[in-house]
């Protein structure tokens, strides 16, 4: 397919997503099935265009002063990919399979309009109903913060210290041009241009042998801030597919007891293979069976209970831009109840002097600081470990991190704009001993 034909396909797909209200991933899969002639490079390029339009869904329409799939694609090419009008005109030439030529109105919009006076929800590309929530967290900087949340994320890797070290992996993956991450001592970052395909990391020998895992640096830091230690008993209460479980195992250096469970046993399915590949031998997977409590035998024994809490996922919008436009106010209320419930489940598991690490991939204060304050109100035997103490695991980078991240009385908030990571909140709560 020609570059112009890819643009036409992206317009068609965006129109389908809007008209039929179908998830973008589903629309892309169905399009690929129906257009077998499109090669893997074509499908990847078209998917990149669609995801970038969803990242700049509101701002691109505002820039073009038009609410159509075509307008959004044109606006995105200017805002996200910095494409000039002449280059665009060469692609939009009306030839076979190419989009129709740029209209006079479109050329005027490209030359005269900007986001200078756009409302925060437009400039930051998020649903307008969320504006009061972002204003509560970021105030007047919310447009800049959320615009950064709309950009494409790099590919971050975590080096598994049970099997290798960062210097070795840097050398082995030199053909992918990774660089050390700014904060995590075990992180590597592969920067990706706007139209670049994700490298096939899963086919690399280091991945196959368990020396690396794909994990955003913010998620790596969240695990590090728990300060899991060798010899401790650690419970990962919302383990899911095991991303943070693997990071906790590495922190524990294979010593101690690591128990991983999740209310949804389907989410746990991939964890067994991942733990085996990573060389983790001290993990005990507790898969729920009926109404029985899988943790009934470990009450009041945990040094650390890690809660990777169910949340709205606002912090991961760089990787899942479709989610922000599908999010509804009711989803927040449901997640707040889920978070309170899982915090209550953690309480009887913690021994005196033990701690709970509460983590979300959200930037909303209702899910973060407010949830922690409500928990302490119900359980005064717990107190927040001072955030500067949790960040001390970064050693010589702790001070710079404190200058970059948002610190509150309850914990740390990382954001793409401030720390270059996904949005993560981390609070560590210690039980009186």
Protein backbone atom coordinates (compact mmCIF):
# COMPACT_ATOMS: atom_id res chain seq x y z
CA UNK A 1 0.00 0.00 0.00
CA UNK A 2 1.16 3.53 -0.72
CA UNK A 3 1.43 6.06 2.13
CA UNK A 4 -1.61 7.85 0.69
CA UNK A 5 -3.62 4.61 0.61
CA UNK A 6 -2.77 4.04 4.25
CA UNK A 7 -4.22 7.45 5.06
CA UNK A 8 -7.45 6.56 3.25
CA UNK A 9 -7.67 3.31 5.20
CA UNK A 10 -7.12 5.15 8.49
CA UNK A 11 -9.93 7.61 7.67
CA UNK A 12 -12.22 4.68 6.90
CA UNK A 13 -11.34 3.01 10.19
CA UNK A 14 -11.79 6.15 12.27
CA UNK A 15 -15.18 6.67 10.67
CA UNK A 16 -16.12 3.06 11.54
CA UNK A 17 -15.00 3.46 15.16
CA UNK A 18 -17.05 6.67 15.51
CA UNK A 19 -20.14 5.45 13.69
CA UNK A 20 -20.37 1.96 15.17
CA UNK A 21 -18.85 2.80 18.57
CA UNK A 22 -16.56 -0.20 18.25
CA UNK A 23 -13.29 -0.52 20.22
CA UNK A 24 -10.33 0.50 18.08
CA UNK A 25 -8.48 -2.80 18.56
CA UNK A 26 -11.53 -4.72 17.33
CA UNK A 27 -11.99 -2.43 14.32
CA UNK A 28 -8.32 -2.81 13.35
CA UNK A 29 -8.45 -6.59 13.64
CA UNK A 30 -11.60 -6.83 11.52
CA UNK A 31 -10.13 -4.48 8.91
CA UNK A 32 -6.99 -6.63 8.66
CA UNK A 33 -9.09 -9.78 8.21
CA UNK A 34 -11.14 -8.14 5.45
CA UNK A 35 -8.08 -6.71 3.64
CA UNK A 36 -5.70 -9.65 3.31
CA UNK A 37 -3.65 -7.83 0.69
CA UNK A 38 -2.35 -5.44 3.36
CA UNK A 39 1.04 -6.58 4.62
CA UNK A 40 2.21 -6.45 8.23
CA UNK A 41 3.95 -3.13 7.60
CA UNK A 42 0.76 -1.67 6.16
CA UNK A 43 -1.33 -2.86 9.08
CA UNK A 44 1.17 -1.51 11.60
CA UNK A 45 1.31 1.89 9.86
CA UNK A 46 -2.47 2.15 9.66
CA UNK A 47 -2.85 1.14 13.30
CA UNK A 48 -0.31 3.81 14.25
CA UNK A 49 -2.34 6.45 12.40
CA UNK A 50 -5.57 5.37 14.10
CA UNK A 51 -4.04 5.30 17.58
CA UNK A 52 -2.49 8.73 17.03
CA UNK A 53 -5.85 10.16 15.96
CA UNK A 54 -7.37 8.80 19.18
CA UNK A 55 -4.54 10.45 21.11
CA UNK A 56 -5.35 13.81 19.49
CA UNK A 57 -9.06 13.23 18.97
CA UNK A 58 -10.32 16.52 20.43
CA UNK A 59 -7.43 18.83 19.56
CA UNK A 60 -7.24 17.72 15.93
CA UNK A 61 -10.95 18.42 15.34
CA UNK A 62 -10.56 21.80 17.06
CA UNK A 63 -7.55 22.69 14.94
CA UNK A 64 -9.43 21.88 11.73
CA UNK A 65 -12.74 23.36 12.96
CA UNK A 66 -14.49 20.22 11.73
CA UNK A 67 -15.84 17.12 13.44
CA UNK A 68 -15.08 14.39 10.89
CA UNK A 69 -12.73 11.44 10.62
CA UNK A 70 -10.86 13.14 7.78
CA UNK A 71 -10.46 16.39 9.72
CA UNK A 72 -9.15 14.50 12.73
CA UNK A 73 -6.57 12.67 10.66
CA UNK A 74 -5.37 15.90 9.03
CA UNK A 75 -5.21 17.67 12.40
CA UNK A 76 -3.31 14.77 13.94
CA UNK A 77 -0.73 14.81 11.16
CA UNK A 78 0.01 18.43 12.04
CA UNK A 79 -0.16 18.15 15.85
CA UNK A 80 1.32 14.72 16.51
CA UNK A 81 3.55 14.14 13.50
CA UNK A 82 4.45 17.75 12.72
CA UNK A 83 3.67 17.30 9.02
CA UNK A 84 3.68 20.53 6.98
CA UNK A 85 0.94 21.48 4.55
CA UNK A 86 3.00 20.85 1.43
CA UNK A 87 3.82 17.30 2.48
CA UNK A 88 0.19 16.70 3.34
CA UNK A 89 -0.98 18.08 -0.01
CA UNK A 90 1.30 15.65 -1.83
CA UNK A 91 -0.41 12.75 -0.06
CA UNK A 92 -3.95 14.11 -0.30
CA UNK A 93 -3.84 14.37 -4.09
CA UNK A 94 -7.03 12.56 -5.09
CA UNK A 95 -5.23 9.89 -7.08
CA UNK A 96 -6.31 6.24 -6.96
CA UNK A 97 -6.65 5.04 -3.33
CA UNK A 98 -5.49 8.45 -2.01
CA UNK A 99 -7.68 10.86 -0.02
CA UNK A 100 -9.29 13.75 -1.88
CA UNK A 101 -7.17 16.91 -2.22
CA UNK A 102 -7.05 19.36 0.67
CA UNK A 103 -9.90 21.83 0.48
CA UNK A 104 -9.40 25.56 0.75
CA UNK A 105 -10.99 25.49 4.22
CA UNK A 106 -8.57 22.78 5.33
CA UNK A 107 -5.57 24.71 4.05
CA UNK A 108 -6.76 27.85 5.81
CA UNK A 109 -7.23 25.94 9.07
CA UNK A 110 -3.74 24.47 8.81
CA UNK A 111 -2.20 27.88 8.19
CA UNK A 112 -4.24 30.03 10.61
CA UNK A 113 -5.65 27.98 13.47
CA UNK A 114 -3.83 26.77 16.61
CA UNK A 115 -4.55 25.45 20.09
CA UNK A 116 -3.50 28.72 21.74
CA UNK A 117 -6.97 29.57 23.08
CA UNK A 118 -8.37 26.04 23.22
CA UNK A 119 -10.09 24.88 26.44
CA UNK A 120 -7.99 22.62 28.65
CA UNK A 121 -10.03 19.52 27.73
CA UNK A 122 -9.35 20.19 24.04
CA UNK A 123 -5.66 21.09 24.36
CA UNK A 124 -5.13 18.11 26.67
CA UNK A 125 -7.34 15.74 24.67
CA UNK A 126 -9.60 14.32 27.36
CA UNK A 127 -13.38 14.09 27.92
CA UNK A 128 -14.78 17.38 29.20
CA UNK A 129 -16.51 15.74 32.18
CA UNK A 130 -13.06 14.93 33.60
CA UNK A 131 -11.96 18.58 33.65
CA UNK A 132 -12.86 19.20 37.34
CA UNK A 133 -11.00 16.04 38.32
CA UNK A 134 -7.82 17.06 36.48
CA UNK A 135 -8.13 20.62 37.80
CA UNK A 136 -8.13 19.20 41.34
CA UNK A 137 -4.81 17.43 40.70
CA UNK A 138 -2.96 19.73 38.29
CA UNK A 139 -4.69 23.11 38.49
CA UNK A 140 -3.70 25.46 35.68
CA UNK A 141 -1.11 23.01 34.32
CA UNK A 142 -3.73 20.36 33.50
CA UNK A 143 -3.67 21.04 29.74
CA UNK A 144 0.11 20.53 29.63
CA UNK A 145 -0.05 17.45 31.87
CA UNK A 146 -2.79 15.76 29.89
CA UNK A 147 -1.23 16.69 26.54
CA UNK A 148 1.84 14.75 27.67
CA UNK A 149 -0.50 11.87 28.58
CA UNK A 150 -1.68 11.93 24.96
CA UNK A 151 1.78 11.48 23.45
CA UNK A 152 3.16 8.13 22.34
CA UNK A 153 5.01 6.23 25.04
CA UNK A 154 8.50 4.80 24.55
CA UNK A 155 9.14 1.09 24.96
CA UNK A 156 10.53 0.46 28.44
CA UNK A 157 12.19 -2.78 29.52
CA UNK A 158 13.12 -4.07 32.97
CA UNK A 159 16.30 -6.09 33.30
CA UNK A 160 15.72 -9.19 35.41
CA UNK A 161 18.59 -9.12 37.92
CA UNK A 162 17.98 -12.78 38.75
CA UNK A 163 19.41 -13.60 35.33
CA UNK A 164 21.43 -10.66 34.01
CA UNK A 165 22.43 -7.03 34.53
CA UNK A 166 21.84 -3.82 32.64
CA UNK A 167 25.29 -3.55 31.07
CA UNK A 168 25.03 -7.03 29.56
CA UNK A 169 21.56 -6.39 28.18
CA UNK A 170 22.58 -3.01 26.76
CA UNK A 171 25.27 -4.77 24.77
CA UNK A 172 23.03 -7.64 23.66
CA UNK A 173 20.28 -5.28 22.48
CA UNK A 174 22.56 -2.64 20.96
CA UNK A 175 20.88 -3.11 17.56
CA UNK A 176 17.66 -1.73 19.12
CA UNK A 177 19.51 1.35 20.47
CA UNK A 178 18.27 1.18 24.07
CA UNK A 179 19.33 3.68 26.71
CA UNK A 180 19.24 3.48 30.51
CA UNK A 181 16.03 4.89 31.96
CA UNK A 182 16.40 8.11 33.97
CA UNK A 183 15.32 6.73 37.36
CA UNK A 184 15.20 2.93 37.54
CA UNK A 185 18.58 1.19 37.85
CA UNK A 186 17.13 -1.84 36.07
CA UNK A 187 15.33 0.00 33.27
CA UNK A 188 16.08 0.39 29.56
CA UNK A 189 14.24 2.66 27.14
CA UNK A 190 13.79 2.37 23.39
CA UNK A 191 12.54 5.66 21.96
CA UNK A 192 10.01 5.34 19.14
CA UNK A 193 9.24 7.91 16.46
CA UNK A 194 5.60 8.73 15.72
CA UNK A 195 5.29 6.24 12.86
CA UNK A 196 7.75 3.60 14.11
CA UNK A 197 6.74 -0.01 14.62
CA UNK A 198 7.32 -1.59 18.02
CA UNK A 199 10.47 -3.74 17.83
CA UNK A 200 9.85 -7.45 18.25
CA UNK A 201 11.36 -7.66 21.71
CA UNK A 202 9.58 -10.96 22.44
CA UNK A 203 11.73 -12.59 19.75
CA UNK A 204 15.00 -11.45 21.33
CA UNK A 205 17.13 -14.11 23.02
CA UNK A 206 17.28 -12.09 26.24
CA UNK A 207 13.48 -12.02 26.41
CA UNK A 208 13.11 -15.72 25.63
CA UNK A 209 15.62 -16.57 28.37
CA UNK A 210 13.92 -14.29 30.90
CA UNK A 211 16.60 -11.61 31.18
CA UNK A 212 14.18 -8.79 30.26
CA UNK A 213 10.50 -7.94 30.60
CA UNK A 214 8.47 -5.18 29.01
CA UNK A 215 7.52 -2.81 31.84
CA UNK A 216 7.06 0.95 31.99
CA UNK A 217 9.62 2.69 34.18
CA UNK A 218 6.84 4.05 36.39
CA UNK A 219 5.69 0.52 37.12
CA UNK A 220 9.28 -0.46 37.88
CA UNK A 221 9.59 2.43 40.35
CA UNK A 222 6.27 1.54 41.98
CA UNK A 223 7.65 -1.93 42.70
CA UNK A 224 10.94 -0.50 43.98
CA UNK A 225 9.14 1.91 46.33
CA UNK A 226 7.56 -1.06 48.13
CA UNK A 227 11.09 -1.83 49.42
CA UNK A 228 10.48 -5.58 49.23
CA UNK A 229 13.49 -7.30 50.80
CA UNK A 230 15.11 -10.74 50.67
CA UNK A 231 13.67 -13.00 53.36
CA UNK A 232 10.36 -11.18 53.73
CA UNK A 233 6.90 -12.63 53.25
CA UNK A 234 5.29 -10.61 50.49
CA UNK A 235 1.73 -10.94 49.18
CA UNK A 236 0.85 -9.54 45.76
CA UNK A 237 -2.90 -9.21 46.18
CA UNK A 238 -3.80 -8.07 42.65
CA UNK A 239 -1.10 -9.90 40.72
CA UNK A 240 -2.88 -10.14 37.37
CA UNK A 241 -0.48 -11.33 34.68
CA UNK A 242 2.46 -10.86 37.05
CA UNK A 243 4.36 -7.77 35.89
CA UNK A 244 4.95 -6.40 39.37
CA UNK A 245 5.20 -9.92 40.84
CA UNK A 246 8.29 -10.47 38.69
CA UNK A 247 9.78 -7.16 39.79
CA UNK A 248 9.12 -7.99 43.45
CA UNK A 249 10.80 -11.38 43.03
CA UNK A 250 13.92 -9.70 41.66
CA UNK A 251 13.98 -7.27 44.60
CA UNK A 252 13.75 -10.24 46.96
CA UNK A 253 16.71 -11.90 45.17
CA UNK A 254 14.90 -15.22 45.20
CA UNK A 255 14.85 -15.35 49.01
CA UNK A 256 11.76 -15.23 51.20
CA UNK A 257 8.18 -16.10 50.33
CA UNK A 258 6.24 -14.40 47.56
CA UNK A 259 2.53 -15.18 47.35
CA UNK A 260 0.61 -13.99 44.28
CA UNK A 261 -3.14 -14.07 43.85
CA UNK A 262 -5.95 -12.23 42.11
CA UNK A 263 -9.73 -12.23 42.41
CA UNK A 264 -9.97 -12.93 38.67
CA UNK A 265 -8.23 -16.25 38.05
CA UNK A 266 -8.31 -15.61 34.30
CA UNK A 267 -5.95 -12.70 34.82
CA UNK A 268 -3.50 -15.02 36.59
CA UNK A 269 -3.23 -17.47 33.69
CA UNK A 270 -0.01 -16.03 32.12
CA UNK A 271 1.86 -15.71 35.41
CA UNK A 272 3.05 -19.32 35.62
CA UNK A 273 4.97 -19.24 32.34
CA UNK A 274 6.38 -15.78 33.07
CA UNK A 275 7.69 -16.79 36.50
CA UNK A 276 9.30 -19.91 35.06
CA UNK A 277 10.98 -17.98 32.27
CA UNK A 278 12.26 -15.37 34.75
CA UNK A 279 13.80 -18.01 37.00
CA UNK A 280 11.59 -17.23 40.00
CA UNK A 281 11.45 -20.17 42.42
CA UNK A 282 10.09 -18.60 45.62
CA UNK A 283 6.62 -17.68 44.31
CA UNK A 284 3.44 -19.38 45.48
CA UNK A 285 0.50 -18.78 43.12
CA UNK A 286 -2.86 -18.88 44.89
CA UNK A 287 -5.60 -19.30 42.29
CA UNK A 288 -9.11 -18.72 43.72
CA UNK A 289 -11.32 -21.80 43.90
CA UNK A 290 -15.01 -21.17 44.53
CA UNK A 291 -15.78 -19.24 47.70
CA UNK A 292 -12.73 -20.44 49.63
CA UNK A 293 -10.26 -17.78 50.79
CA UNK A 294 -6.92 -18.58 49.11
CA UNK A 295 -5.07 -16.62 51.81
CA UNK A 296 -6.82 -18.00 54.88
CA UNK A 297 -3.59 -19.59 56.17
CA UNK A 298 -1.41 -16.48 55.98
CA UNK A 299 -3.33 -13.96 58.06
CA UNK A 300 -1.31 -11.53 60.18
CA UNK A 301 1.93 -12.83 58.70
CA UNK A 302 2.86 -10.54 55.80
CA UNK A 303 5.75 -8.13 55.98
CA UNK A 304 4.36 -6.50 52.85
CA UNK A 305 1.07 -6.62 50.99
CA UNK A 306 1.22 -5.06 47.53
CA UNK A 307 -2.02 -3.75 46.03
CA UNK A 308 -1.80 -2.94 42.32
CA UNK A 309 -5.32 -1.60 42.62
CA UNK A 310 -8.05 -1.77 39.99
CA UNK A 311 -8.40 1.77 38.69
CA UNK A 312 -9.58 3.93 35.79
CA UNK A 313 -6.19 3.64 34.10
CA UNK A 314 -5.91 7.37 33.33
CA UNK A 315 -2.16 7.09 33.80
CA UNK A 316 -1.84 4.63 30.92
CA UNK A 317 -3.60 6.69 28.25
CA UNK A 318 -0.35 6.99 26.25
CA UNK A 319 -0.56 3.25 25.61
CA UNK A 320 -4.34 2.93 25.45
CA UNK A 321 -5.76 6.16 23.98
CA UNK A 322 -9.03 4.47 23.08
CA UNK A 323 -9.80 4.01 26.78
CA UNK A 324 -10.12 7.70 27.60
CA UNK A 325 -12.92 8.31 25.12
CA UNK A 326 -14.77 5.19 26.26
CA UNK A 327 -14.54 6.08 29.96
CA UNK A 328 -17.78 7.11 31.68
CA UNK A 329 -18.36 8.74 35.10
CA UNK A 330 -19.85 5.53 36.47
CA UNK A 331 -16.55 3.75 35.94
CA UNK A 332 -14.85 5.94 38.52
CA UNK A 333 -17.47 5.15 41.15
CA UNK A 334 -17.09 1.43 40.53
CA UNK A 335 -13.31 1.60 40.81
CA UNK A 336 -13.47 3.57 44.06
CA UNK A 337 -15.57 0.80 45.60
CA UNK A 338 -13.19 -1.86 44.25
CA UNK A 339 -10.18 -0.05 45.74
CA UNK A 340 -11.76 0.33 49.17
CA UNK A 341 -12.70 -3.35 49.11
CA UNK A 342 -9.20 -4.59 48.24
CA UNK A 343 -7.65 -2.34 50.89
CA UNK A 344 -9.95 -3.93 53.47
CA UNK A 345 -8.89 -7.41 52.31
CA UNK A 346 -5.25 -6.46 52.88
CA UNK A 347 -5.67 -5.38 56.50
CA UNK A 348 -5.93 -8.82 58.18
CA UNK A 349 -2.95 -10.11 56.20
CA UNK A 350 -0.43 -7.59 57.57
CA UNK A 351 1.52 -8.39 60.70
CA UNK A 352 2.38 -5.76 63.32
CA UNK A 353 5.04 -3.50 61.88
CA UNK A 354 4.25 -4.69 58.37
CA UNK A 355 3.19 -2.49 55.49
CA UNK A 356 0.77 -2.11 52.60
CA UNK A 357 1.94 -0.64 49.29
CA UNK A 358 -1.05 0.89 47.50
CA UNK A 359 -0.43 1.50 43.79
CA UNK A 360 -2.64 2.80 41.00
CA UNK A 361 -2.00 3.64 37.36
CA UNK A 362 -4.30 6.64 37.74
CA UNK A 363 -3.66 10.35 38.26
CA UNK A 364 -7.07 11.11 39.79
CA UNK A 365 -6.95 12.24 43.43
CA UNK A 366 -10.15 10.36 44.25
CA UNK A 367 -8.37 7.07 43.52
CA UNK A 368 -5.10 8.12 45.12
CA UNK A 369 -4.65 10.49 48.05
CA UNK A 370 -8.34 10.63 48.92
CA UNK A 371 -8.58 6.85 48.95
CA UNK A 372 -5.56 6.61 51.25
CA UNK A 373 -6.94 9.25 53.64
CA UNK A 374 -10.26 7.42 53.82
CA UNK A 375 -8.45 4.16 54.57
CA UNK A 376 -6.44 5.67 57.42
CA UNK A 377 -9.65 7.17 58.77
CA UNK A 378 -11.05 3.64 59.01
CA UNK A 379 -7.77 2.11 60.21
CA UNK A 380 -5.79 4.51 62.42
CA UNK A 381 -3.35 1.69 63.21
CA UNK A 382 -1.82 2.44 59.80
CA UNK A 383 0.25 5.53 58.96
CA UNK A 384 1.79 6.76 55.71
CA UNK A 385 5.50 6.12 55.36
CA UNK A 386 6.90 9.57 54.43
CA UNK A 387 7.25 9.70 50.62
CA UNK A 388 10.83 10.95 50.82
CA UNK A 389 11.66 7.76 52.73
CA UNK A 390 10.15 5.52 50.04
CA UNK A 391 12.07 7.39 47.32
CA UNK A 392 15.35 6.80 49.15
CA UNK A 393 15.63 3.49 47.24
CA UNK A 394 16.71 5.64 44.27
CA UNK A 395 19.85 6.63 46.16
CA UNK A 396 21.64 9.47 44.34
CA UNK A 397 18.59 10.08 42.11
CA UNK A 398 16.14 10.51 44.99
CA UNK A 399 16.53 14.28 45.22
CA UNK A 400 16.06 14.81 41.48
CA UNK A 401 13.02 12.52 41.52
CA UNK A 402 11.51 14.53 44.38
CA UNK A 403 11.92 17.69 42.29
CA UNK A 404 10.25 16.05 39.29
CA UNK A 405 7.34 14.06 40.74
CA UNK A 406 4.29 15.37 42.58
CA UNK A 407 4.57 14.69 46.30
CA UNK A 408 1.61 14.75 48.68
CA UNK A 409 1.10 13.73 52.28
CA UNK A 410 -0.03 10.35 51.01
CA UNK A 411 2.62 9.45 48.45
CA UNK A 412 4.14 10.03 45.02
CA UNK A 413 2.40 10.81 41.74
CA UNK A 414 4.41 10.21 38.58
CA UNK A 415 3.24 11.61 35.23
CA UNK A 416 4.53 11.58 31.64
CA UNK A 417 5.25 15.32 31.78
CA UNK A 418 7.07 15.27 35.10
CA UNK A 419 8.88 11.94 35.27
CA UNK A 420 8.67 10.66 31.68
CA UNK A 421 6.77 7.60 32.88
CA UNK A 422 3.17 6.50 32.72
CA UNK A 423 0.99 8.00 35.43
CA UNK A 424 1.46 6.07 38.69
CA UNK A 425 0.57 6.77 42.30
CA UNK A 426 2.37 4.98 45.14
CA UNK A 427 1.61 5.13 48.85
CA UNK A 428 3.23 2.93 51.49
CA UNK A 429 1.28 2.43 54.73
CA UNK A 430 2.88 0.95 57.85
CA UNK A 431 0.98 -0.88 60.58
CA UNK A 432 1.80 0.04 64.15
CA UNK A 433 4.19 -2.47 65.67
